[in-house]
Amino acid sequence: MTIKRYFLALLAAPALAFVPMQQAAHAQDMSDMAEEDLSALVRFALPSVFQRVQIMCEPELPADSYIFTNGDDLEARFADAADGSFAAAQDAILQLGGADDPGVTELMAQMPPEVMAPFMSEIIAGKVAQELPVSACAPINRTMELLDPLPTQNFADLVAYLTVYFANEEQTQKAPDTDG
């Protein structure tokens, strides 16, 4: 796992559905994505992803872990922040999962948002559950405890900023040395 993926998974796995999608859409340059689009995607995906993380981590963490004892409050806050965020999240979803596939764009254009939003939410949450290692459960729990005081919008903005920052860092490291 690259430092970027580990750090983001550690920091925001319950909120950041698109980290595992990076692997599926590896050719996508995350550094070109707008922070606002990524933030909207984080807000949109938070409720479903958090629920999946709780399910995934239940066998790994004690019952008195933060994500369980504060889960109802966190879920309610995440749901409030997600309300109405799908329209803004669509750009990031297309960039991560199908901007090069006209079928995805056409599907998203044809389906009404009230149908497409839950569909995409479950796809994203399922991808996180599939890709995130259970070894991340304890760090996720601790990170959620530390970041819980942040308003959900700030949490989403922080995740978006760090994603773009680390994508830019990765691009810089991959750039050929022209000083030769």
N, C-alpha and C. Protein backbone atom coordinates (compact mmCIF):
# COMPACT_ATOMS: atom_id res chain seq x y z
N MET A 1 0.86 -1.17 0.00
CA MET A 1 0.00 0.00 0.00
C MET A 1 0.90 1.23 0.00
N THR A 2 0.61 2.17 -0.87
CA THR A 2 1.44 3.37 -0.91
C THR A 2 1.20 4.20 0.33
N ILE A 3 2.13 5.10 0.60
CA ILE A 3 1.99 5.98 1.76
C ILE A 3 0.70 6.78 1.66
N LYS A 4 0.36 7.23 0.46
CA LYS A 4 -0.86 8.01 0.27
C LYS A 4 -2.08 7.20 0.67
N ARG A 5 -2.20 5.97 0.15
CA ARG A 5 -3.36 5.16 0.46
C ARG A 5 -3.42 4.82 1.93
N TYR A 6 -2.26 4.49 2.54
CA TYR A 6 -2.25 4.15 3.96
C TYR A 6 -2.67 5.35 4.80
N PHE A 7 -2.09 6.50 4.50
CA PHE A 7 -2.40 7.69 5.28
C PHE A 7 -3.87 8.05 5.16
N LEU A 8 -4.39 8.04 3.96
CA LEU A 8 -5.80 8.39 3.77
C LEU A 8 -6.72 7.35 4.37
N ALA A 9 -6.36 6.08 4.26
CA ALA A 9 -7.18 5.05 4.89
C ALA A 9 -7.17 5.23 6.40
N LEU A 10 -6.01 5.52 6.94
CA LEU A 10 -5.88 5.75 8.37
C LEU A 10 -6.68 6.96 8.80
N LEU A 11 -6.57 8.03 8.03
CA LEU A 11 -7.23 9.27 8.39
C LEU A 11 -8.72 9.23 8.17
N ALA A 12 -9.12 8.69 7.04
CA ALA A 12 -10.50 8.94 6.66
C ALA A 12 -11.23 7.75 6.06
N ALA A 13 -10.81 6.57 6.31
CA ALA A 13 -11.45 5.43 5.70
C ALA A 13 -12.95 5.40 5.92
N PRO A 14 -13.43 5.76 7.11
CA PRO A 14 -14.88 5.71 7.25
C PRO A 14 -15.57 6.79 6.44
N ALA A 15 -14.86 7.78 6.02
CA ALA A 15 -15.48 8.86 5.29
C ALA A 15 -15.10 8.87 3.84
N LEU A 16 -14.00 8.32 3.51
CA LEU A 16 -13.43 8.51 2.19
C LEU A 16 -13.64 7.29 1.32
N ALA A 17 -14.75 7.26 0.66
CA ALA A 17 -15.08 6.11 -0.16
C ALA A 17 -14.21 6.00 -1.39
N PHE A 18 -13.67 7.07 -1.82
CA PHE A 18 -12.96 7.04 -3.08
C PHE A 18 -11.53 6.57 -2.96
N VAL A 19 -10.97 6.36 -1.78
CA VAL A 19 -9.60 5.86 -1.69
C VAL A 19 -9.48 4.51 -2.39
N PRO A 20 -10.33 3.52 -2.09
CA PRO A 20 -10.21 2.26 -2.82
C PRO A 20 -10.53 2.41 -4.30
N MET A 21 -11.37 3.37 -4.65
CA MET A 21 -11.70 3.56 -6.05
C MET A 21 -10.49 4.05 -6.83
N GLN A 22 -9.53 4.66 -6.14
CA GLN A 22 -8.32 5.09 -6.82
C GLN A 22 -7.64 3.91 -7.49
N GLN A 23 -7.64 2.79 -6.80
CA GLN A 23 -6.99 1.60 -7.35
C GLN A 23 -7.73 1.14 -8.60
N ALA A 24 -9.05 1.17 -8.57
CA ALA A 24 -9.83 0.74 -9.72
C ALA A 24 -9.69 1.72 -10.88
N ALA A 25 -9.50 2.97 -10.57
CA ALA A 25 -9.36 3.99 -11.60
C ALA A 25 -7.96 4.58 -11.52
N HIS A 26 -6.97 3.70 -11.49
CA HIS A 26 -5.59 4.10 -11.21
C HIS A 26 -5.07 5.13 -12.19
N ALA A 27 -5.54 5.11 -13.42
CA ALA A 27 -5.03 6.04 -14.42
C ALA A 27 -5.50 7.47 -14.14
N GLN A 28 -6.55 7.62 -13.36
CA GLN A 28 -7.06 8.95 -13.08
C GLN A 28 -6.08 9.74 -12.23
N ASP A 29 -5.76 10.92 -12.67
CA ASP A 29 -4.87 11.78 -11.92
C ASP A 29 -5.68 12.55 -10.88
N MET A 30 -5.60 12.11 -9.65
CA MET A 30 -6.37 12.75 -8.57
C MET A 30 -5.98 14.20 -8.38
N SER A 31 -4.77 14.55 -8.78
CA SER A 31 -4.34 15.92 -8.58
C SER A 31 -5.12 16.89 -9.46
N ASP A 32 -5.78 16.39 -10.50
CA ASP A 32 -6.58 17.25 -11.37
C ASP A 32 -8.00 17.45 -10.85
N MET A 33 -8.38 16.71 -9.85
CA MET A 33 -9.74 16.83 -9.33
C MET A 33 -9.88 18.05 -8.43
N ALA A 34 -11.03 18.66 -8.51
CA ALA A 34 -11.30 19.82 -7.66
C ALA A 34 -11.59 19.35 -6.24
N GLU A 35 -11.01 20.06 -5.29
CA GLU A 35 -11.25 19.72 -3.88
C GLU A 35 -12.74 19.75 -3.56
N GLU A 36 -13.46 20.68 -4.17
CA GLU A 36 -14.90 20.80 -3.90
C GLU A 36 -15.64 19.54 -4.33
N ASP A 37 -15.24 18.96 -5.47
CA ASP A 37 -15.88 17.73 -5.93
C ASP A 37 -15.59 16.58 -4.97
N LEU A 38 -14.34 16.48 -4.55
CA LEU A 38 -13.97 15.41 -3.62
C LEU A 38 -14.67 15.58 -2.28
N SER A 39 -14.76 16.81 -1.81
CA SER A 39 -15.43 17.07 -0.54
C SER A 39 -16.90 16.66 -0.63
N ALA A 40 -17.53 16.98 -1.75
CA ALA A 40 -18.93 16.60 -1.94
C ALA A 40 -19.07 15.08 -1.95
N LEU A 41 -18.12 14.39 -2.57
CA LEU A 41 -18.15 12.93 -2.60
C LEU A 41 -18.00 12.35 -1.20
N VAL A 42 -17.12 12.91 -0.42
CA VAL A 42 -16.94 12.45 0.95
C VAL A 42 -18.23 12.63 1.74
N ARG A 43 -18.83 13.82 1.66
CA ARG A 43 -20.09 14.07 2.37
C ARG A 43 -21.17 13.09 1.92
N PHE A 44 -21.26 12.88 0.62
CA PHE A 44 -22.27 11.99 0.06
C PHE A 44 -22.09 10.56 0.58
N ALA A 45 -20.86 10.08 0.60
CA ALA A 45 -20.59 8.68 0.91
C ALA A 45 -20.48 8.37 2.40
N LEU A 46 -20.32 9.38 3.22
CA LEU A 46 -20.10 9.16 4.65
C LEU A 46 -21.07 8.18 5.32
N PRO A 47 -22.36 8.36 5.20
CA PRO A 47 -23.26 7.46 5.95
C PRO A 47 -23.09 5.99 5.58
N SER A 48 -23.09 5.68 4.30
CA SER A 48 -22.98 4.28 3.88
C SER A 48 -21.61 3.70 4.20
N VAL A 49 -20.59 4.48 3.97
CA VAL A 49 -19.24 3.98 4.22
C VAL A 49 -19.03 3.75 5.72
N PHE A 50 -19.50 4.67 6.54
CA PHE A 50 -19.34 4.51 7.98
C PHE A 50 -20.05 3.24 8.47
N GLN A 51 -21.26 2.98 7.96
CA GLN A 51 -21.98 1.77 8.34
C GLN A 51 -21.20 0.52 7.95
N ARG A 52 -20.63 0.52 6.75
CA ARG A 52 -19.85 -0.63 6.30
C ARG A 52 -18.58 -0.81 7.14
N VAL A 53 -17.96 0.29 7.50
CA VAL A 53 -16.76 0.21 8.34
C VAL A 53 -17.12 -0.37 9.70
N GLN A 54 -18.24 0.05 10.27
CA GLN A 54 -18.67 -0.52 11.54
C GLN A 54 -18.87 -2.03 11.43
N ILE A 55 -19.53 -2.47 10.38
CA ILE A 55 -19.78 -3.89 10.18
C ILE A 55 -18.45 -4.64 10.02
N MET A 56 -17.58 -4.08 9.18
CA MET A 56 -16.29 -4.71 8.93
C MET A 56 -15.45 -4.80 10.20
N CYS A 57 -15.51 -3.77 11.03
CA CYS A 57 -14.64 -3.70 12.21
C CYS A 57 -15.25 -4.34 13.46
N GLU A 58 -16.50 -4.73 13.41
CA GLU A 58 -17.14 -5.30 14.60
C GLU A 58 -16.38 -6.49 15.17
N PRO A 59 -15.92 -7.43 14.34
CA PRO A 59 -15.17 -8.55 14.91
C PRO A 59 -13.76 -8.18 15.37
N GLU A 60 -13.27 -7.03 14.93
CA GLU A 60 -11.88 -6.63 15.19
C GLU A 60 -11.72 -5.73 16.41
N LEU A 61 -12.77 -5.01 16.77
CA LEU A 61 -12.67 -4.01 17.84
C LEU A 61 -13.57 -4.38 19.01
N PRO A 62 -13.19 -3.97 20.21
CA PRO A 62 -14.07 -4.20 21.37
C PRO A 62 -15.38 -3.43 21.22
N ALA A 63 -16.41 -3.90 21.89
CA ALA A 63 -17.74 -3.28 21.81
C ALA A 63 -17.74 -1.84 22.31
N ASP A 64 -16.78 -1.50 23.19
CA ASP A 64 -16.76 -0.13 23.72
C ASP A 64 -15.86 0.80 22.87
N SER A 65 -15.54 0.38 21.66
CA SER A 65 -14.74 1.23 20.77
C SER A 65 -15.55 2.46 20.36
N TYR A 66 -14.83 3.50 20.07
CA TYR A 66 -15.44 4.80 19.78
C TYR A 66 -16.46 4.74 18.64
N ILE A 67 -16.13 4.03 17.55
CA ILE A 67 -17.05 4.02 16.42
C ILE A 67 -18.36 3.29 16.73
N PHE A 68 -18.36 2.49 17.79
CA PHE A 68 -19.59 1.81 18.19
C PHE A 68 -20.35 2.61 19.25
N THR A 69 -19.64 3.09 20.26
CA THR A 69 -20.33 3.83 21.34
C THR A 69 -20.85 5.18 20.87
N ASN A 70 -20.25 5.74 19.83
CA ASN A 70 -20.69 7.03 19.30
C ASN A 70 -21.28 6.90 17.90
N GLY A 71 -21.52 5.69 17.48
CA GLY A 71 -21.98 5.42 16.12
C GLY A 71 -23.28 6.09 15.75
N ASP A 72 -24.27 6.08 16.64
CA ASP A 72 -25.57 6.68 16.31
C ASP A 72 -25.43 8.18 16.07
N ASP A 73 -24.67 8.84 16.92
CA ASP A 73 -24.46 10.28 16.76
C ASP A 73 -23.69 10.58 15.47
N LEU A 74 -22.64 9.81 15.23
CA LEU A 74 -21.85 10.01 14.01
C LEU A 74 -22.70 9.76 12.76
N GLU A 75 -23.48 8.69 12.77
CA GLU A 75 -24.34 8.39 11.61
C GLU A 75 -25.34 9.51 11.37
N ALA A 76 -25.93 10.04 12.41
CA ALA A 76 -26.89 11.13 12.25
C ALA A 76 -26.22 12.38 11.66
N ARG A 77 -25.04 12.70 12.15
CA ARG A 77 -24.32 13.86 11.62
C ARG A 77 -23.92 13.64 10.17
N PHE A 78 -23.45 12.44 9.86
CA PHE A 78 -23.05 12.13 8.50
C PHE A 78 -24.25 12.19 7.55
N ALA A 79 -25.39 11.67 8.01
CA ALA A 79 -26.60 11.70 7.17
C ALA A 79 -27.05 13.14 6.92
N ASP A 80 -26.99 13.98 7.95
CA ASP A 80 -27.35 15.39 7.76
C ASP A 80 -26.44 16.06 6.73
N ALA A 81 -25.15 15.78 6.81
CA ALA A 81 -24.19 16.38 5.87
C ALA A 81 -24.37 15.83 4.47
N ALA A 82 -24.79 14.58 4.35
CA ALA A 82 -24.96 13.95 3.04
C ALA A 82 -26.21 14.41 2.32
N ASP A 83 -27.19 14.88 3.08
CA ASP A 83 -28.46 15.27 2.50
C ASP A 83 -28.26 16.32 1.41
N GLY A 84 -28.66 16.00 0.21
CA GLY A 84 -28.56 16.94 -0.90
C GLY A 84 -27.19 17.05 -1.53
N SER A 85 -26.24 16.20 -1.17
CA SER A 85 -24.87 16.32 -1.69
C SER A 85 -24.62 15.53 -2.97
N PHE A 86 -25.59 14.71 -3.38
CA PHE A 86 -25.34 13.85 -4.54
C PHE A 86 -25.06 14.64 -5.81
N ALA A 87 -25.82 15.68 -6.06
CA ALA A 87 -25.61 16.45 -7.30
C ALA A 87 -24.18 16.97 -7.39
N ALA A 88 -23.66 17.46 -6.29
CA ALA A 88 -22.29 17.97 -6.28
C ALA A 88 -21.27 16.84 -6.35
N ALA A 89 -21.61 15.67 -5.85
CA ALA A 89 -20.68 14.53 -5.84
C ALA A 89 -20.57 13.85 -7.20
N GLN A 90 -21.53 14.07 -8.08
CA GLN A 90 -21.55 13.38 -9.37
C GLN A 90 -20.27 13.61 -10.18
N ASP A 91 -19.72 14.80 -10.17
CA ASP A 91 -18.50 15.07 -10.94
C ASP A 91 -17.36 14.18 -10.48
N ALA A 92 -17.19 14.08 -9.17
CA ALA A 92 -16.11 13.23 -8.64
C ALA A 92 -16.38 11.76 -8.94
N ILE A 93 -17.63 11.35 -8.85
CA ILE A 93 -17.96 9.95 -9.14
C ILE A 93 -17.61 9.64 -10.59
N LEU A 94 -17.95 10.53 -11.49
CA LEU A 94 -17.63 10.31 -12.90
C LEU A 94 -16.12 10.28 -13.13
N GLN A 95 -15.40 11.18 -12.49
CA GLN A 95 -13.95 11.22 -12.67
C GLN A 95 -13.29 9.97 -12.14
N LEU A 96 -13.78 9.46 -11.03
CA LEU A 96 -13.16 8.28 -10.42
C LEU A 96 -13.60 6.98 -11.05
N GLY A 97 -14.83 6.96 -11.50
CA GLY A 97 -15.36 5.67 -11.90
C GLY A 97 -15.83 5.53 -13.32
N GLY A 98 -15.67 6.55 -14.15
CA GLY A 98 -16.15 6.30 -15.49
C GLY A 98 -16.15 7.46 -16.43
N ALA A 99 -15.36 8.47 -16.18
CA ALA A 99 -15.34 9.60 -17.10
C ALA A 99 -14.95 9.16 -18.50
N ASP A 100 -14.15 8.11 -18.62
CA ASP A 100 -13.74 7.63 -19.93
C ASP A 100 -14.73 6.62 -20.50
N ASP A 101 -15.73 6.26 -19.74
CA ASP A 101 -16.71 5.29 -20.19
C ASP A 101 -18.03 6.01 -20.46
N PRO A 102 -18.38 6.20 -21.72
CA PRO A 102 -19.62 6.92 -22.04
C PRO A 102 -20.85 6.24 -21.46
N GLY A 103 -20.78 4.93 -21.25
CA GLY A 103 -21.92 4.21 -20.68
C GLY A 103 -22.23 4.67 -19.27
N VAL A 104 -21.21 4.93 -18.47
CA VAL A 104 -21.42 5.40 -17.09
C VAL A 104 -22.04 6.80 -17.12
N THR A 105 -21.49 7.66 -17.97
CA THR A 105 -22.02 9.02 -18.08
C THR A 105 -23.47 8.98 -18.52
N GLU A 106 -23.77 8.16 -19.51
CA GLU A 106 -25.14 8.05 -20.02
C GLU A 106 -26.08 7.49 -18.95
N LEU A 107 -25.62 6.47 -18.23
CA LEU A 107 -26.43 5.89 -17.17
C LEU A 107 -26.76 6.94 -16.11
N MET A 108 -25.75 7.70 -15.70
CA MET A 108 -25.98 8.71 -14.67
C MET A 108 -26.92 9.80 -15.18
N ALA A 109 -26.85 10.11 -16.46
CA ALA A 109 -27.71 11.15 -17.03
C ALA A 109 -29.16 10.68 -17.13
N GLN A 110 -29.36 9.40 -17.36
CA GLN A 110 -30.70 8.87 -17.56
C GLN A 110 -31.44 8.55 -16.27
N MET A 111 -30.70 8.16 -15.25
CA MET A 111 -31.36 7.76 -14.01
C MET A 111 -31.69 8.99 -13.16
N PRO A 112 -32.87 9.02 -12.59
CA PRO A 112 -33.20 10.14 -11.70
C PRO A 112 -32.31 10.10 -10.45
N PRO A 113 -31.96 11.27 -9.92
CA PRO A 113 -31.06 11.31 -8.75
C PRO A 113 -31.55 10.49 -7.57
N GLU A 114 -32.86 10.42 -7.35
CA GLU A 114 -33.36 9.66 -6.20
C GLU A 114 -33.15 8.16 -6.37
N VAL A 115 -32.91 7.70 -7.60
CA VAL A 115 -32.58 6.31 -7.86
C VAL A 115 -31.06 6.13 -7.88
N MET A 116 -30.38 7.04 -8.54
CA MET A 116 -28.94 6.92 -8.72
C MET A 116 -28.17 7.09 -7.41
N ALA A 117 -28.60 8.00 -6.56
CA ALA A 117 -27.85 8.28 -5.32
C ALA A 117 -27.70 7.05 -4.43
N PRO A 118 -28.77 6.33 -4.08
CA PRO A 118 -28.58 5.15 -3.24
C PRO A 118 -27.76 4.05 -3.94
N PHE A 119 -27.94 3.93 -5.24
CA PHE A 119 -27.19 2.96 -6.02
C PHE A 119 -25.69 3.25 -5.93
N MET A 120 -25.29 4.49 -6.17
CA MET A 120 -23.88 4.87 -6.12
C MET A 120 -23.34 4.78 -4.70
N SER A 121 -24.15 5.15 -3.75
CA SER A 121 -23.73 5.08 -2.34
C SER A 121 -23.38 3.65 -1.96
N GLU A 122 -24.19 2.71 -2.36
CA GLU A 122 -23.93 1.30 -2.03
C GLU A 122 -22.72 0.76 -2.79
N ILE A 123 -22.56 1.18 -4.03
CA ILE A 123 -21.38 0.74 -4.79
C ILE A 123 -20.11 1.23 -4.11
N ILE A 124 -20.10 2.49 -3.73
CA ILE A 124 -18.92 3.08 -3.09
C ILE A 124 -18.65 2.39 -1.76
N ALA A 125 -19.69 2.24 -0.94
CA ALA A 125 -19.51 1.60 0.37
C ALA A 125 -19.04 0.16 0.22
N GLY A 126 -19.58 -0.55 -0.76
CA GLY A 126 -19.16 -1.92 -1.00
C GLY A 126 -17.70 -2.00 -1.42
N LYS A 127 -17.27 -1.02 -2.22
CA LYS A 127 -15.88 -0.99 -2.66
C LYS A 127 -14.95 -0.76 -1.47
N VAL A 128 -15.34 0.11 -0.57
CA VAL A 128 -14.54 0.35 0.62
C VAL A 128 -14.45 -0.92 1.45
N ALA A 129 -15.58 -1.57 1.67
CA ALA A 129 -15.59 -2.79 2.48
C ALA A 129 -14.71 -3.87 1.85
N GLN A 130 -14.70 -3.92 0.54
CA GLN A 130 -13.92 -4.92 -0.17
C GLN A 130 -12.42 -4.62 -0.13
N GLU A 131 -12.05 -3.35 -0.20
CA GLU A 131 -10.65 -2.97 -0.37
C GLU A 131 -9.93 -2.63 0.94
N LEU A 132 -10.65 -2.21 1.93
CA LEU A 132 -10.03 -1.76 3.17
C LEU A 132 -9.64 -2.95 4.04
N PRO A 133 -8.38 -3.03 4.45
CA PRO A 133 -7.98 -4.17 5.29
C PRO A 133 -8.51 -4.01 6.71
N VAL A 134 -8.82 -5.13 7.34
CA VAL A 134 -9.31 -5.08 8.72
C VAL A 134 -8.23 -4.55 9.67
N SER A 135 -6.98 -4.61 9.25
CA SER A 135 -5.91 -4.06 10.09
C SER A 135 -6.04 -2.54 10.25
N ALA A 136 -6.88 -1.91 9.44
CA ALA A 136 -7.09 -0.47 9.55
C ALA A 136 -8.15 -0.11 10.59
N CYS A 137 -8.84 -1.09 11.15
CA CYS A 137 -9.94 -0.80 12.08
C CYS A 137 -9.51 0.00 13.30
N ALA A 138 -8.46 -0.42 13.98
CA ALA A 138 -8.01 0.31 15.18
C ALA A 138 -7.58 1.74 14.83
N PRO A 139 -6.78 1.95 13.78
CA PRO A 139 -6.45 3.33 13.42
C PRO A 139 -7.66 4.16 13.00
N ILE A 140 -8.62 3.54 12.33
CA ILE A 140 -9.84 4.26 11.95
C ILE A 140 -10.58 4.69 13.21
N ASN A 141 -10.71 3.78 14.16
CA ASN A 141 -11.41 4.09 15.40
C ASN A 141 -10.75 5.27 16.11
N ARG A 142 -9.44 5.25 16.23
CA ARG A 142 -8.72 6.33 16.91
C ARG A 142 -8.83 7.64 16.13
N THR A 143 -8.73 7.55 14.80
CA THR A 143 -8.84 8.75 13.98
C THR A 143 -10.23 9.37 14.11
N MET A 144 -11.26 8.55 14.10
CA MET A 144 -12.62 9.08 14.27
C MET A 144 -12.77 9.76 15.62
N GLU A 145 -12.19 9.19 16.63
CA GLU A 145 -12.25 9.81 17.95
C GLU A 145 -11.58 11.18 17.94
N LEU A 146 -10.45 11.28 17.28
CA LEU A 146 -9.73 12.54 17.24
C LEU A 146 -10.42 13.59 16.37
N LEU A 147 -11.04 13.15 15.28
CA LEU A 147 -11.65 14.09 14.34
C LEU A 147 -13.12 14.36 14.60
N ASP A 148 -13.72 13.61 15.51
CA ASP A 148 -15.14 13.76 15.78
C ASP A 148 -15.57 15.19 16.12
N PRO A 149 -14.77 15.95 16.84
CA PRO A 149 -15.23 17.31 17.13
C PRO A 149 -15.37 18.22 15.90
N LEU A 150 -14.71 17.86 14.80
CA LEU A 150 -14.83 18.67 13.60
C LEU A 150 -16.25 18.58 13.02
N PRO A 151 -16.78 19.69 12.54
CA PRO A 151 -18.03 19.59 11.78
C PRO A 151 -17.80 18.71 10.54
N THR A 152 -18.83 18.04 10.11
CA THR A 152 -18.70 17.11 8.99
C THR A 152 -18.17 17.79 7.74
N GLN A 153 -18.57 19.01 7.49
CA GLN A 153 -18.08 19.73 6.31
C GLN A 153 -16.56 19.92 6.40
N ASN A 154 -16.06 20.28 7.56
CA ASN A 154 -14.62 20.43 7.72
C ASN A 154 -13.90 19.09 7.56
N PHE A 155 -14.49 18.05 8.07
CA PHE A 155 -13.93 16.71 7.93
C PHE A 155 -13.81 16.36 6.46
N ALA A 156 -14.89 16.57 5.69
CA ALA A 156 -14.89 16.28 4.26
C ALA A 156 -13.87 17.15 3.53
N ASP A 157 -13.80 18.42 3.90
CA ASP A 157 -12.84 19.32 3.26
C ASP A 157 -11.40 18.90 3.55
N LEU A 158 -11.14 18.45 4.77
CA LEU A 158 -9.80 17.99 5.14
C LEU A 158 -9.41 16.76 4.32
N VAL A 159 -10.32 15.83 4.19
CA VAL A 159 -10.05 14.63 3.40
C VAL A 159 -9.77 15.01 1.95
N ALA A 160 -10.58 15.90 1.39
CA ALA A 160 -10.39 16.33 0.01
C ALA A 160 -9.04 17.02 -0.17
N TYR A 161 -8.72 17.90 0.74
CA TYR A 161 -7.43 18.60 0.65
C TYR A 161 -6.26 17.61 0.70
N LEU A 162 -6.30 16.70 1.66
CA LEU A 162 -5.20 15.75 1.80
C LEU A 162 -5.10 14.82 0.59
N THR A 163 -6.23 14.46 0.02
CA THR A 163 -6.20 13.61 -1.17
C THR A 163 -5.52 14.32 -2.33
N VAL A 164 -5.89 15.56 -2.57
CA VAL A 164 -5.27 16.33 -3.65
C VAL A 164 -3.79 16.56 -3.34
N TYR A 165 -3.49 16.87 -2.11
CA TYR A 165 -2.09 17.10 -1.73
C TYR A 165 -1.23 15.87 -2.00
N PHE A 166 -1.68 14.70 -1.52
CA PHE A 166 -0.90 13.49 -1.70
C PHE A 166 -0.89 13.03 -3.16
N ALA A 167 -1.94 13.31 -3.90
CA ALA A 167 -1.93 13.00 -5.33
C ALA A 167 -0.87 13.85 -6.03
N ASN A 168 -0.79 15.11 -5.67
CA ASN A 168 0.24 15.98 -6.24
C ASN A 168 1.63 15.50 -5.85
N GLU A 169 1.82 15.09 -4.60
CA GLU A 169 3.10 14.57 -4.15
C GLU A 169 3.49 13.32 -4.94
N GLU A 170 2.52 12.45 -5.15
CA GLU A 170 2.79 11.22 -5.89
C GLU A 170 3.16 11.55 -7.34
N GLN A 171 2.46 12.51 -7.94
CA GLN A 171 2.79 12.93 -9.30
C GLN A 171 4.19 13.50 -9.36
N THR A 172 4.57 14.28 -8.38
CA THR A 172 5.92 14.88 -8.33
C THR A 172 6.96 13.79 -8.24
N GLN A 173 6.72 12.78 -7.43
CA GLN A 173 7.69 11.68 -7.27
C GLN A 173 7.79 10.84 -8.53
N LYS A 174 6.71 10.75 -9.31
CA LYS A 174 6.74 9.96 -10.52
C LYS A 174 7.31 10.73 -11.71
N ALA A 175 7.37 12.04 -11.58
CA ALA A 175 7.87 12.87 -12.70
C ALA A 175 9.33 12.54 -12.98
N PRO A 176 9.68 12.45 -14.27
CA PRO A 176 11.09 12.14 -14.60
C PRO A 176 11.99 13.30 -14.20
N ASP A 177 13.18 12.95 -13.78
CA ASP A 177 14.17 13.95 -13.39
C ASP A 177 14.77 14.56 -14.66
N THR A 178 14.54 15.86 -14.84
CA THR A 178 15.03 16.53 -16.04
C THR A 178 16.31 17.30 -15.79
N ASP A 179 16.84 17.21 -14.56
CA ASP A 179 18.07 17.93 -14.24
C ASP A 179 19.31 17.18 -14.71
N GLY A 180 19.12 16.00 -15.23
CA GLY A 180 20.05 15.16 -15.68
C GLY A 180 21.37 14.94 -15.79
